Amino acid sequence: MSVVLVWAFVPAGAMAGVIAQSTFDAGDEGWTVGDLFAATGASTPTYVATGGNPGGFIRANDWYGWNGFHAPTAFLGDKSAAYGGVLHVEQRILSSDGAAYPMVVISDGITSLQYRTTPPGTGWTSYDIALAASAGWEIMNTSGNPGAPASEAQLQTVLSNLVFMNFEADWQTGSDQVDLDNVRLESPGAPVPLPPTLLLLAPGLAGFAVMRRRFKK
């Protein structure tokens, strides 16, 4: 009885609505590092097994020009179901210029869009980027500066055939280091995943509830 309650309480609700995700708890999961504004120039990021939020994470250092984390195939292709949902990402850095840069660039090979935001901090910083053009999506500008506002139709078209999804890994001019963890592509209305501490407590809480009912009987 208690086993059924635990499985119903934790995995079913916690993971519903997640289209693709990377936690980096067992490796780099196929992520690469390359040009932020294209699918080229890819190399292997540094994988660190501990110190993430929690578990492992991947790290990029400057290598040339604009630097970006490239998402693997699990995040590409037809992701139209994510329109109206959320793109979650967590980063931390050593330092930055303080300017808003493109946190993420997505493209269908014809139209490329960017979402600019302020830099993360030296501790893990979470971003929930709404997948709606009205949230601030722009036509990609390879200088990193603002671009023309994107339309809802353009965002929907790009999400229906993602060729690349790249995340910022170069928040300042000169040498820097950027860490990436917990990337999730979520459909509209996806419940927020339970924090790791609650996931650990869930079996005990479910078992306690069963014992309490038996005690009352």
N, C-alpha and C. Protein backbone atom coordinates (compact mmCIF):
# COMPACT_ATOMS: atom_id res chain seq x y z
N MET A 1 0.83 -1.21 0.00
CA MET A 1 0.00 0.00 0.00
C MET A 1 0.86 1.25 0.00
N SER A 2 1.85 1.32 0.90
CA SER A 2 2.70 2.51 1.00
C SER A 2 3.53 2.71 -0.25
N VAL A 3 3.95 1.62 -0.92
CA VAL A 3 4.75 1.74 -2.13
C VAL A 3 3.95 2.43 -3.23
N VAL A 4 2.68 2.06 -3.36
CA VAL A 4 1.83 2.68 -4.37
C VAL A 4 1.68 4.17 -4.10
N LEU A 5 1.51 4.56 -2.85
CA LEU A 5 1.35 5.96 -2.49
C LEU A 5 2.60 6.75 -2.81
N VAL A 6 3.77 6.20 -2.56
CA VAL A 6 5.02 6.90 -2.82
C VAL A 6 5.18 7.16 -4.30
N TRP A 7 4.95 6.17 -5.15
CA TRP A 7 5.13 6.36 -6.59
C TRP A 7 4.11 7.34 -7.15
N ALA A 8 2.91 7.34 -6.62
CA ALA A 8 1.90 8.27 -7.10
C ALA A 8 2.22 9.69 -6.66
N PHE A 9 2.83 9.83 -5.49
CA PHE A 9 3.09 11.15 -4.93
C PHE A 9 4.30 11.84 -5.57
N VAL A 10 5.33 11.08 -5.93
CA VAL A 10 6.56 11.72 -6.39
C VAL A 10 6.71 11.77 -7.91
N PRO A 11 6.99 10.64 -8.59
CA PRO A 11 7.33 10.77 -10.00
C PRO A 11 6.19 11.27 -10.89
N ALA A 12 4.96 10.83 -10.64
CA ALA A 12 3.88 11.16 -11.57
C ALA A 12 3.69 12.66 -11.71
N GLY A 13 3.59 13.39 -10.61
CA GLY A 13 3.38 14.83 -10.68
C GLY A 13 4.64 15.60 -10.94
N ALA A 14 5.78 15.11 -10.44
CA ALA A 14 7.02 15.89 -10.51
C ALA A 14 7.54 16.00 -11.92
N MET A 15 7.31 14.98 -12.77
CA MET A 15 7.94 14.96 -14.08
C MET A 15 6.98 15.25 -15.22
N ALA A 16 5.67 15.36 -14.95
CA ALA A 16 4.70 15.60 -16.02
C ALA A 16 4.99 16.91 -16.71
N GLY A 17 4.87 16.94 -18.07
CA GLY A 17 5.03 18.17 -18.82
C GLY A 17 6.45 18.49 -19.22
N VAL A 18 7.43 17.71 -18.79
CA VAL A 18 8.82 17.95 -19.17
C VAL A 18 9.08 17.29 -20.51
N ILE A 19 9.39 18.10 -21.52
CA ILE A 19 9.62 17.59 -22.87
C ILE A 19 11.04 17.08 -23.04
N ALA A 20 12.01 17.79 -22.49
CA ALA A 20 13.41 17.38 -22.53
C ALA A 20 14.11 18.00 -21.34
N GLN A 21 15.11 17.29 -20.81
CA GLN A 21 15.84 17.85 -19.68
C GLN A 21 17.24 17.25 -19.58
N SER A 22 18.14 18.01 -18.96
CA SER A 22 19.49 17.54 -18.64
C SER A 22 19.81 17.96 -17.22
N THR A 23 20.18 16.97 -16.38
CA THR A 23 20.57 17.25 -15.01
C THR A 23 22.08 17.09 -14.81
N PHE A 24 22.75 16.45 -15.77
CA PHE A 24 24.21 16.25 -15.74
C PHE A 24 24.68 15.47 -14.52
N ASP A 25 23.83 14.59 -14.01
CA ASP A 25 24.23 13.80 -12.85
C ASP A 25 25.08 12.59 -13.22
N ALA A 26 25.14 12.24 -14.51
CA ALA A 26 25.91 11.06 -14.92
C ALA A 26 26.84 11.35 -16.09
N GLY A 27 27.03 12.62 -16.45
CA GLY A 27 27.90 12.95 -17.57
C GLY A 27 27.43 14.20 -18.28
N ASP A 28 28.07 14.51 -19.42
CA ASP A 28 27.72 15.74 -20.14
C ASP A 28 26.47 15.60 -21.01
N GLU A 29 25.91 14.37 -21.11
CA GLU A 29 24.65 14.09 -21.80
C GLU A 29 24.63 14.56 -23.26
N GLY A 30 25.80 14.60 -23.88
CA GLY A 30 25.88 14.94 -25.29
C GLY A 30 25.95 16.42 -25.59
N TRP A 31 26.05 17.28 -24.56
CA TRP A 31 26.18 18.71 -24.77
C TRP A 31 27.58 19.03 -25.30
N THR A 32 27.67 20.09 -26.08
CA THR A 32 28.95 20.54 -26.62
C THR A 32 29.09 22.05 -26.39
N VAL A 33 30.26 22.58 -26.74
CA VAL A 33 30.51 24.02 -26.63
C VAL A 33 30.98 24.52 -27.99
N GLY A 34 30.40 25.63 -28.45
CA GLY A 34 30.78 26.16 -29.75
C GLY A 34 30.30 27.59 -29.92
N ASP A 35 30.08 27.99 -31.16
CA ASP A 35 29.62 29.33 -31.49
C ASP A 35 28.20 29.52 -30.95
N LEU A 36 27.98 30.61 -30.20
CA LEU A 36 26.66 30.88 -29.63
C LEU A 36 25.61 31.04 -30.71
N PHE A 37 25.97 31.62 -31.85
CA PHE A 37 24.99 31.99 -32.87
C PHE A 37 24.88 30.99 -34.02
N ALA A 38 25.47 29.83 -33.88
CA ALA A 38 25.42 28.83 -34.95
C ALA A 38 25.60 27.44 -34.37
N ALA A 39 25.44 26.44 -35.23
CA ALA A 39 25.61 25.06 -34.79
C ALA A 39 27.01 24.55 -35.08
N THR A 40 27.97 25.47 -35.26
CA THR A 40 29.33 25.09 -35.67
C THR A 40 30.34 25.30 -34.55
N GLY A 41 31.54 24.77 -34.79
CA GLY A 41 32.65 24.99 -33.86
C GLY A 41 32.52 24.26 -32.55
N ALA A 42 31.87 23.10 -32.55
CA ALA A 42 31.59 22.40 -31.30
C ALA A 42 32.79 21.64 -30.75
N SER A 43 32.96 21.71 -29.44
CA SER A 43 33.96 20.92 -28.74
C SER A 43 33.34 20.41 -27.44
N THR A 44 34.06 19.58 -26.69
CA THR A 44 33.51 18.96 -25.49
C THR A 44 33.67 19.87 -24.27
N PRO A 45 32.60 20.10 -23.51
CA PRO A 45 32.73 20.90 -22.29
C PRO A 45 33.40 20.08 -21.19
N THR A 46 33.79 20.74 -20.14
CA THR A 46 34.34 20.05 -18.96
C THR A 46 33.18 19.54 -18.12
N TYR A 47 33.21 18.25 -17.77
CA TYR A 47 32.18 17.69 -16.90
C TYR A 47 32.72 17.62 -15.48
N VAL A 48 31.92 18.13 -14.52
CA VAL A 48 32.29 18.08 -13.11
C VAL A 48 31.19 17.30 -12.38
N ALA A 49 31.56 16.24 -11.69
CA ALA A 49 30.58 15.31 -11.11
C ALA A 49 29.93 15.82 -9.84
N THR A 50 30.51 16.79 -9.16
CA THR A 50 29.95 17.31 -7.92
C THR A 50 29.95 18.84 -7.94
N GLY A 51 29.16 19.42 -7.05
CA GLY A 51 29.12 20.88 -6.96
C GLY A 51 28.02 21.52 -7.76
N GLY A 52 27.18 20.69 -8.44
CA GLY A 52 26.07 21.24 -9.19
C GLY A 52 24.91 21.59 -8.28
N ASN A 53 23.70 21.63 -8.83
CA ASN A 53 22.54 22.08 -8.04
C ASN A 53 21.39 21.06 -8.08
N PRO A 54 21.54 19.84 -7.54
CA PRO A 54 22.79 19.29 -6.99
C PRO A 54 23.47 18.43 -8.05
N GLY A 55 24.35 17.53 -7.62
CA GLY A 55 24.99 16.59 -8.53
C GLY A 55 26.01 17.23 -9.44
N GLY A 56 26.08 16.75 -10.70
CA GLY A 56 27.09 17.23 -11.63
C GLY A 56 26.64 18.44 -12.43
N PHE A 57 27.57 18.97 -13.23
CA PHE A 57 27.28 20.09 -14.11
C PHE A 57 28.35 20.13 -15.20
N ILE A 58 28.16 20.98 -16.20
CA ILE A 58 29.19 21.15 -17.22
C ILE A 58 29.73 22.58 -17.18
N ARG A 59 30.95 22.74 -17.66
CA ARG A 59 31.67 24.02 -17.57
C ARG A 59 32.29 24.38 -18.91
N ALA A 60 32.25 25.66 -19.24
CA ALA A 60 32.89 26.17 -20.46
C ALA A 60 33.83 27.31 -20.11
N ASN A 61 34.98 27.35 -20.77
CA ASN A 61 35.92 28.45 -20.68
C ASN A 61 36.03 29.10 -22.05
N ASP A 62 36.50 30.34 -22.10
CA ASP A 62 36.68 31.01 -23.39
C ASP A 62 37.53 30.17 -24.32
N TRP A 63 37.11 30.11 -25.59
CA TRP A 63 37.97 29.44 -26.57
C TRP A 63 38.11 30.29 -27.82
N TYR A 64 37.03 30.92 -28.29
CA TYR A 64 37.16 31.94 -29.32
C TYR A 64 35.83 32.66 -29.45
N GLY A 65 35.89 33.94 -29.74
CA GLY A 65 34.69 34.71 -30.04
C GLY A 65 33.56 34.48 -29.05
N TRP A 66 32.34 34.47 -29.57
CA TRP A 66 31.19 34.19 -28.75
C TRP A 66 31.14 32.69 -28.45
N ASN A 67 30.93 32.36 -27.20
CA ASN A 67 30.96 31.00 -26.73
C ASN A 67 29.57 30.57 -26.28
N GLY A 68 29.15 29.36 -26.62
CA GLY A 68 27.84 28.90 -26.21
C GLY A 68 27.79 27.42 -25.93
N PHE A 69 26.90 27.00 -25.01
CA PHE A 69 26.61 25.59 -24.77
C PHE A 69 25.59 25.15 -25.81
N HIS A 70 25.88 24.04 -26.53
CA HIS A 70 24.98 23.52 -27.55
C HIS A 70 24.16 22.36 -26.99
N ALA A 71 22.84 22.46 -27.05
CA ALA A 71 21.97 21.40 -26.56
C ALA A 71 22.04 20.18 -27.48
N PRO A 72 21.89 18.97 -26.92
CA PRO A 72 21.92 17.74 -27.74
C PRO A 72 20.59 17.51 -28.45
N THR A 73 20.50 16.42 -29.19
CA THR A 73 19.34 16.13 -30.03
C THR A 73 18.03 16.00 -29.25
N ALA A 74 18.10 15.66 -27.97
CA ALA A 74 16.88 15.53 -27.17
C ALA A 74 16.09 16.84 -27.11
N PHE A 75 16.78 17.97 -27.30
CA PHE A 75 16.13 19.28 -27.24
C PHE A 75 15.78 19.81 -28.63
N LEU A 76 16.10 19.06 -29.68
CA LEU A 76 15.93 19.56 -31.04
C LEU A 76 14.77 18.86 -31.75
N GLY A 77 14.51 19.29 -33.01
CA GLY A 77 13.42 18.72 -33.78
C GLY A 77 12.11 19.45 -33.50
N ASP A 78 11.01 18.75 -33.60
CA ASP A 78 9.69 19.35 -33.40
C ASP A 78 9.40 19.49 -31.91
N LYS A 79 9.53 20.68 -31.39
CA LYS A 79 9.23 20.97 -29.99
C LYS A 79 8.11 22.01 -29.90
N SER A 80 7.19 21.94 -30.88
CA SER A 80 6.06 22.88 -30.91
C SER A 80 5.19 22.76 -29.66
N ALA A 81 5.20 21.60 -29.01
CA ALA A 81 4.41 21.41 -27.80
C ALA A 81 4.90 22.29 -26.65
N ALA A 82 6.11 22.83 -26.78
CA ALA A 82 6.66 23.69 -25.72
C ALA A 82 6.18 25.14 -25.83
N TYR A 83 5.56 25.50 -26.96
CA TYR A 83 5.10 26.88 -27.12
C TYR A 83 4.12 27.25 -26.02
N GLY A 84 4.38 28.37 -25.36
CA GLY A 84 3.56 28.79 -24.22
C GLY A 84 4.05 28.22 -22.91
N GLY A 85 5.07 27.35 -22.97
CA GLY A 85 5.64 26.76 -21.77
C GLY A 85 6.85 27.55 -21.28
N VAL A 86 7.82 26.83 -20.73
CA VAL A 86 8.96 27.47 -20.08
C VAL A 86 10.25 26.74 -20.45
N LEU A 87 11.30 27.52 -20.66
CA LEU A 87 12.65 26.98 -20.82
C LEU A 87 13.41 27.34 -19.55
N HIS A 88 13.74 26.33 -18.76
CA HIS A 88 14.43 26.54 -17.48
C HIS A 88 15.92 26.25 -17.65
N VAL A 89 16.76 27.10 -17.07
CA VAL A 89 18.20 26.91 -17.12
C VAL A 89 18.82 27.50 -15.85
N GLU A 90 19.91 26.89 -15.40
CA GLU A 90 20.64 27.40 -14.24
C GLU A 90 22.11 27.59 -14.61
N GLN A 91 22.66 28.75 -14.25
CA GLN A 91 24.06 29.05 -14.54
C GLN A 91 24.71 29.74 -13.35
N ARG A 92 26.05 29.69 -13.35
CA ARG A 92 26.84 30.51 -12.43
C ARG A 92 28.13 30.89 -13.14
N ILE A 93 28.72 32.01 -12.73
CA ILE A 93 29.90 32.54 -13.42
C ILE A 93 30.92 33.04 -12.41
N LEU A 94 32.14 33.26 -12.90
CA LEU A 94 33.17 33.88 -12.06
C LEU A 94 33.00 35.38 -12.04
N SER A 95 32.70 35.98 -13.21
CA SER A 95 32.52 37.43 -13.31
C SER A 95 31.85 37.75 -14.63
N SER A 96 31.43 39.03 -14.80
CA SER A 96 30.75 39.43 -16.03
C SER A 96 30.97 40.91 -16.28
N ASP A 97 30.57 41.34 -17.48
CA ASP A 97 30.59 42.77 -17.81
C ASP A 97 29.40 43.49 -17.21
N GLY A 98 28.40 42.74 -16.75
CA GLY A 98 27.20 43.33 -16.20
C GLY A 98 26.15 43.67 -17.23
N ALA A 99 26.44 43.45 -18.51
CA ALA A 99 25.50 43.79 -19.58
C ALA A 99 24.58 42.62 -19.86
N ALA A 100 23.41 42.93 -20.41
CA ALA A 100 22.47 41.89 -20.83
C ALA A 100 22.95 41.28 -22.15
N TYR A 101 23.08 39.95 -22.17
CA TYR A 101 23.48 39.22 -23.36
C TYR A 101 22.43 38.17 -23.69
N PRO A 102 22.50 37.55 -24.86
CA PRO A 102 21.56 36.47 -25.17
C PRO A 102 21.81 35.25 -24.27
N MET A 103 20.86 34.94 -23.39
CA MET A 103 20.98 33.73 -22.59
C MET A 103 20.81 32.49 -23.45
N VAL A 104 19.90 32.60 -24.44
CA VAL A 104 19.65 31.45 -25.31
C VAL A 104 19.37 31.93 -26.74
N VAL A 105 19.85 31.16 -27.71
CA VAL A 105 19.59 31.40 -29.12
C VAL A 105 19.01 30.12 -29.70
N ILE A 106 17.88 30.22 -30.40
CA ILE A 106 17.25 29.06 -31.02
C ILE A 106 17.05 29.34 -32.50
N SER A 107 17.08 28.27 -33.32
CA SER A 107 16.96 28.47 -34.76
C SER A 107 16.37 27.24 -35.43
N ASP A 108 15.62 27.49 -36.52
CA ASP A 108 15.15 26.40 -37.36
C ASP A 108 15.98 26.29 -38.64
N GLY A 109 17.12 27.00 -38.67
CA GLY A 109 18.00 27.00 -39.83
C GLY A 109 17.70 28.13 -40.80
N ILE A 110 16.55 28.79 -40.61
CA ILE A 110 16.17 29.93 -41.45
C ILE A 110 16.00 31.18 -40.59
N THR A 111 15.18 31.04 -39.57
CA THR A 111 14.96 32.13 -38.61
C THR A 111 15.65 31.80 -37.30
N SER A 112 16.41 32.76 -36.76
CA SER A 112 17.09 32.57 -35.48
C SER A 112 16.62 33.63 -34.50
N LEU A 113 16.29 33.20 -33.29
CA LEU A 113 15.76 34.09 -32.27
C LEU A 113 16.66 34.07 -31.04
N GLN A 114 16.66 35.17 -30.29
CA GLN A 114 17.46 35.26 -29.07
C GLN A 114 16.60 35.78 -27.93
N TYR A 115 17.02 35.41 -26.71
CA TYR A 115 16.39 35.96 -25.50
C TYR A 115 17.50 36.50 -24.62
N ARG A 116 17.53 37.82 -24.46
CA ARG A 116 18.58 38.46 -23.67
C ARG A 116 18.13 38.66 -22.22
N THR A 117 19.10 38.57 -21.31
CA THR A 117 18.80 38.78 -19.91
C THR A 117 20.08 39.21 -19.19
N THR A 118 19.96 39.55 -17.92
CA THR A 118 21.11 39.96 -17.12
C THR A 118 21.93 38.75 -16.72
N PRO A 119 23.22 38.94 -16.41
CA PRO A 119 24.11 37.81 -16.10
C PRO A 119 23.71 37.09 -14.82
N PRO A 120 24.05 35.80 -14.74
CA PRO A 120 23.87 35.07 -13.48
C PRO A 120 24.89 35.54 -12.46
N GLY A 121 24.75 35.05 -11.24
CA GLY A 121 25.69 35.41 -10.19
C GLY A 121 26.77 34.36 -10.02
N THR A 122 27.58 34.51 -8.98
CA THR A 122 28.64 33.56 -8.70
C THR A 122 28.11 32.29 -8.04
N GLY A 123 26.87 32.32 -7.59
CA GLY A 123 26.17 31.13 -7.12
C GLY A 123 25.16 30.71 -8.17
N TRP A 124 24.61 29.53 -8.05
CA TRP A 124 23.67 29.04 -9.04
C TRP A 124 22.46 29.98 -9.15
N THR A 125 22.19 30.44 -10.36
CA THR A 125 21.10 31.37 -10.65
C THR A 125 20.13 30.71 -11.62
N SER A 126 18.84 30.71 -11.26
CA SER A 126 17.81 30.04 -12.07
C SER A 126 17.08 31.04 -12.96
N TYR A 127 16.81 30.61 -14.19
CA TYR A 127 16.02 31.40 -15.14
C TYR A 127 14.87 30.55 -15.65
N ASP A 128 13.69 31.10 -15.66
CA ASP A 128 12.52 30.48 -16.28
C ASP A 128 12.09 31.40 -17.42
N ILE A 129 12.43 31.02 -18.64
CA ILE A 129 12.19 31.85 -19.82
C ILE A 129 10.88 31.41 -20.48
N ALA A 130 9.92 32.30 -20.49
CA ALA A 130 8.62 31.99 -21.09
C ALA A 130 8.76 31.82 -22.60
N LEU A 131 8.19 30.76 -23.12
CA LEU A 131 8.25 30.48 -24.56
C LEU A 131 7.05 31.12 -25.25
N ALA A 132 7.02 32.46 -25.17
CA ALA A 132 6.03 33.30 -25.84
C ALA A 132 6.78 34.53 -26.31
N ALA A 133 6.55 34.96 -27.54
CA ALA A 133 7.28 36.09 -28.10
C ALA A 133 7.10 37.34 -27.25
N SER A 134 5.94 37.48 -26.64
CA SER A 134 5.65 38.65 -25.81
C SER A 134 6.53 38.72 -24.57
N ALA A 135 7.23 37.63 -24.24
CA ALA A 135 8.12 37.63 -23.07
C ALA A 135 9.43 38.35 -23.34
N GLY A 136 9.68 38.72 -24.61
CA GLY A 136 10.90 39.46 -24.94
C GLY A 136 11.81 38.80 -25.94
N TRP A 137 11.32 37.82 -26.69
CA TRP A 137 12.14 37.18 -27.72
C TRP A 137 12.38 38.16 -28.87
N GLU A 138 13.59 38.08 -29.44
CA GLU A 138 14.00 38.99 -30.49
C GLU A 138 14.59 38.23 -31.67
N ILE A 139 14.65 38.88 -32.82
CA ILE A 139 15.40 38.33 -33.95
C ILE A 139 16.88 38.37 -33.57
N MET A 140 17.59 37.30 -33.82
CA MET A 140 18.99 37.20 -33.41
C MET A 140 19.85 38.33 -33.98
N ASN A 141 20.70 38.88 -33.12
CA ASN A 141 21.67 39.89 -33.51
C ASN A 141 23.04 39.37 -33.11
N THR A 142 23.90 39.06 -34.08
CA THR A 142 25.18 38.40 -33.79
C THR A 142 26.16 39.27 -33.02
N SER A 143 25.82 40.53 -32.77
CA SER A 143 26.66 41.38 -31.92
C SER A 143 26.30 41.20 -30.45
N GLY A 144 25.19 40.49 -30.20
CA GLY A 144 24.72 40.32 -28.83
C GLY A 144 23.82 41.45 -28.37
N ASN A 145 23.64 42.47 -29.21
CA ASN A 145 22.79 43.60 -28.89
C ASN A 145 21.33 43.28 -29.15
N PRO A 146 20.41 44.18 -28.77
CA PRO A 146 18.99 43.92 -29.01
C PRO A 146 18.69 43.72 -30.50
N GLY A 147 17.73 42.88 -30.77
CA GLY A 147 17.25 42.67 -32.13
C GLY A 147 15.81 43.10 -32.23
N ALA A 148 15.24 43.05 -33.42
CA ALA A 148 13.83 43.40 -33.60
C ALA A 148 12.95 42.39 -32.85
N PRO A 149 11.82 42.84 -32.32
CA PRO A 149 10.93 41.91 -31.61
C PRO A 149 10.48 40.77 -32.51
N ALA A 150 10.46 39.57 -31.95
CA ALA A 150 9.98 38.40 -32.69
C ALA A 150 8.46 38.34 -32.60
N SER A 151 7.84 37.75 -33.59
CA SER A 151 6.39 37.55 -33.56
C SER A 151 6.07 36.17 -32.98
N GLU A 152 4.83 36.01 -32.55
CA GLU A 152 4.42 34.70 -32.04
C GLU A 152 4.53 33.64 -33.13
N ALA A 153 4.20 34.02 -34.36
CA ALA A 153 4.28 33.07 -35.47
C ALA A 153 5.72 32.62 -35.71
N GLN A 154 6.67 33.56 -35.61
CA GLN A 154 8.08 33.20 -35.80
C GLN A 154 8.55 32.23 -34.71
N LEU A 155 8.18 32.50 -33.47
CA LEU A 155 8.58 31.61 -32.38
C LEU A 155 7.97 30.23 -32.56
N GLN A 156 6.71 30.17 -32.94
CA GLN A 156 6.06 28.88 -33.16
C GLN A 156 6.74 28.10 -34.29
N THR A 157 7.09 28.81 -35.35
CA THR A 157 7.75 28.15 -36.49
C THR A 157 9.11 27.59 -36.09
N VAL A 158 9.89 28.37 -35.35
CA VAL A 158 11.22 27.92 -34.92
C VAL A 158 11.09 26.71 -33.99
N LEU A 159 10.15 26.75 -33.05
CA LEU A 159 9.98 25.63 -32.11
C LEU A 159 9.52 24.36 -32.81
N SER A 160 8.89 24.48 -33.95
CA SER A 160 8.39 23.30 -34.66
C SER A 160 9.49 22.54 -35.40
N ASN A 161 10.70 23.18 -35.51
CA ASN A 161 11.80 22.50 -36.20
C ASN A 161 13.14 23.05 -35.70
N LEU A 162 13.46 22.79 -34.45
CA LEU A 162 14.68 23.32 -33.85
C LEU A 162 15.92 22.63 -34.44
N VAL A 163 16.78 23.44 -35.03
CA VAL A 163 18.05 22.94 -35.57
C VAL A 163 19.16 23.11 -34.53
N PHE A 164 19.10 24.21 -33.79
CA PHE A 164 20.02 24.34 -32.65
C PHE A 164 19.39 25.17 -31.55
N MET A 165 19.85 24.89 -30.32
CA MET A 165 19.48 25.62 -29.12
C MET A 165 20.77 25.82 -28.32
N ASN A 166 21.25 27.05 -28.28
CA ASN A 166 22.54 27.35 -27.65
C ASN A 166 22.36 28.32 -26.49
N PHE A 167 23.11 28.06 -25.42
CA PHE A 167 23.03 28.89 -24.22
C PHE A 167 24.33 29.67 -24.01
N GLU A 168 24.22 30.89 -23.52
CA GLU A 168 25.37 31.77 -23.29
C GLU A 168 26.43 31.11 -22.43
N ALA A 169 27.69 31.25 -22.85
CA ALA A 169 28.82 30.75 -22.06
C ALA A 169 29.97 31.75 -22.11
N ASP A 170 29.62 33.03 -22.29
CA ASP A 170 30.65 34.06 -22.43
C ASP A 170 30.06 35.40 -21.99
N TRP A 171 30.03 35.63 -20.68
CA TRP A 171 29.34 36.80 -20.13
C TRP A 171 30.22 38.04 -20.00
N GLN A 172 31.46 37.96 -20.45
CA GLN A 172 32.31 39.15 -20.39
C GLN A 172 33.41 39.08 -21.43
N THR A 173 33.97 40.25 -21.75
CA THR A 173 35.12 40.32 -22.63
C THR A 173 36.34 39.83 -21.86
N GLY A 174 37.12 38.96 -22.47
CA GLY A 174 38.28 38.41 -21.77
C GLY A 174 37.97 37.05 -21.19
N SER A 175 38.90 36.55 -20.41
CA SER A 175 38.79 35.20 -19.86
C SER A 175 37.64 35.09 -18.85
N ASP A 176 36.84 34.05 -18.98
CA ASP A 176 35.80 33.79 -18.00
C ASP A 176 35.46 32.31 -17.98
N GLN A 177 34.62 31.94 -17.03
CA GLN A 177 34.23 30.54 -16.82
C GLN A 177 32.75 30.50 -16.49
N VAL A 178 32.01 29.65 -17.19
CA VAL A 178 30.56 29.58 -17.02
C VAL A 178 30.14 28.13 -16.78
N ASP A 179 29.31 27.91 -15.76
CA ASP A 179 28.81 26.58 -15.42
C ASP A 179 27.32 26.49 -15.76
N LEU A 180 26.89 25.30 -16.20
CA LEU A 180 25.51 25.08 -16.63
C LEU A 180 24.93 23.85 -15.94
N ASP A 181 23.68 23.95 -15.49
CA ASP A 181 23.02 22.82 -14.85
C ASP A 181 21.50 22.92 -15.06
N ASN A 182 20.84 21.79 -14.92
CA ASN A 182 19.37 21.70 -14.87
C ASN A 182 18.66 22.47 -15.98
N VAL A 183 18.83 22.01 -17.20
CA VAL A 183 18.13 22.60 -18.34
C VAL A 183 16.86 21.78 -18.58
N ARG A 184 15.71 22.46 -18.66
CA ARG A 184 14.45 21.77 -18.89
C ARG A 184 13.61 22.54 -19.92
N LEU A 185 13.01 21.80 -20.82
CA LEU A 185 12.05 22.34 -21.78
C LEU A 185 10.69 21.81 -21.36
N GLU A 186 9.78 22.72 -20.95
CA GLU A 186 8.52 22.31 -20.36
C GLU A 186 7.33 22.80 -21.18
N SER A 187 6.32 21.96 -21.28
CA SER A 187 5.09 22.33 -21.97
C SER A 187 4.25 23.25 -21.08
N PRO A 188 3.24 23.93 -21.64
CA PRO A 188 2.41 24.83 -20.83
C PRO A 188 1.74 24.10 -19.67
N GLY A 189 1.73 24.73 -18.53
CA GLY A 189 1.07 24.17 -17.37
C GLY A 189 1.82 23.06 -16.69
N ALA A 190 3.11 22.85 -17.04
CA ALA A 190 3.89 21.79 -16.41
C ALA A 190 4.10 22.12 -14.94
N PRO A 191 3.83 21.17 -14.03
CA PRO A 191 4.07 21.43 -12.60
C PRO A 191 5.54 21.60 -12.32
N VAL A 192 5.86 22.40 -11.33
CA VAL A 192 7.25 22.62 -10.96
C VAL A 192 7.80 21.37 -10.29
N PRO A 193 8.94 20.82 -10.76
CA PRO A 193 9.52 19.62 -10.13
C PRO A 193 9.81 19.86 -8.66
N LEU A 194 9.59 18.82 -7.85
CA LEU A 194 9.84 18.94 -6.42
C LEU A 194 11.32 19.15 -6.14
N PRO A 195 11.66 20.00 -5.16
CA PRO A 195 13.06 20.15 -4.78
C PRO A 195 13.63 18.82 -4.31
N PRO A 196 14.95 18.60 -4.49
CA PRO A 196 15.56 17.32 -4.10
C PRO A 196 15.28 16.93 -2.66
N THR A 197 15.23 17.92 -1.74
CA THR A 197 14.99 17.59 -0.33
C THR A 197 13.60 17.01 -0.13
N LEU A 198 12.60 17.53 -0.86
CA LEU A 198 11.25 16.99 -0.73
C LEU A 198 11.15 15.61 -1.35
N LEU A 199 11.90 15.38 -2.44
CA LEU A 199 11.90 14.06 -3.06
C LEU A 199 12.43 13.02 -2.08
N LEU A 200 13.44 13.39 -1.30
CA LEU A 200 14.00 12.47 -0.31
C LEU A 200 13.02 12.23 0.83
N LEU A 201 12.25 13.24 1.20
CA LEU A 201 11.32 13.10 2.31
C LEU A 201 10.04 12.38 1.93
N ALA A 202 9.71 12.36 0.63
CA ALA A 202 8.43 11.84 0.18
C ALA A 202 8.13 10.42 0.66
N PRO A 203 9.07 9.45 0.53
CA PRO A 203 8.76 8.09 0.99
C PRO A 203 8.41 8.04 2.47
N GLY A 204 9.14 8.80 3.28
CA GLY A 204 8.88 8.81 4.71
C GLY A 204 7.53 9.42 5.03
N LEU A 205 7.18 10.51 4.33
CA LEU A 205 5.90 11.16 4.58
C LEU A 205 4.73 10.25 4.19
N ALA A 206 4.88 9.55 3.06
CA ALA A 206 3.82 8.66 2.62
C ALA A 206 3.65 7.50 3.60
N GLY A 207 4.77 6.94 4.05
CA GLY A 207 4.71 5.85 5.01
C GLY A 207 4.11 6.29 6.33
N PHE A 208 4.45 7.52 6.74
CA PHE A 208 3.90 8.05 7.99
C PHE A 208 2.38 8.20 7.89
N ALA A 209 1.89 8.64 6.74
CA ALA A 209 0.45 8.81 6.56
C ALA A 209 -0.28 7.48 6.68
N VAL A 210 0.29 6.42 6.09
CA VAL A 210 -0.32 5.09 6.15
C VAL A 210 -0.36 4.60 7.59
N MET A 211 0.75 4.73 8.30
CA MET A 211 0.82 4.27 9.69
C MET A 211 -0.16 5.04 10.57
N ARG A 212 -0.31 6.35 10.29
CA ARG A 212 -1.21 7.18 11.09
C ARG A 212 -2.66 6.72 10.92
N ARG A 213 -3.06 6.38 9.67
CA ARG A 213 -4.41 5.89 9.45
C ARG A 213 -4.64 4.55 10.16
N ARG A 214 -3.63 3.69 10.11
CA ARG A 214 -3.76 2.39 10.78
C ARG A 214 -3.88 2.57 12.29
N PHE A 215 -3.13 3.53 12.83
CA PHE A 215 -3.15 3.77 14.27
C PHE A 215 -4.54 4.25 14.70
N LYS A 216 -5.16 5.14 13.87
CA LYS A 216 -6.49 5.65 14.19
C LYS A 216 -7.52 4.51 14.20
N LYS A 217 -7.37 3.55 13.23
CA LYS A 217 -8.29 2.42 13.18
C LYS A 217 -8.16 1.56 14.44
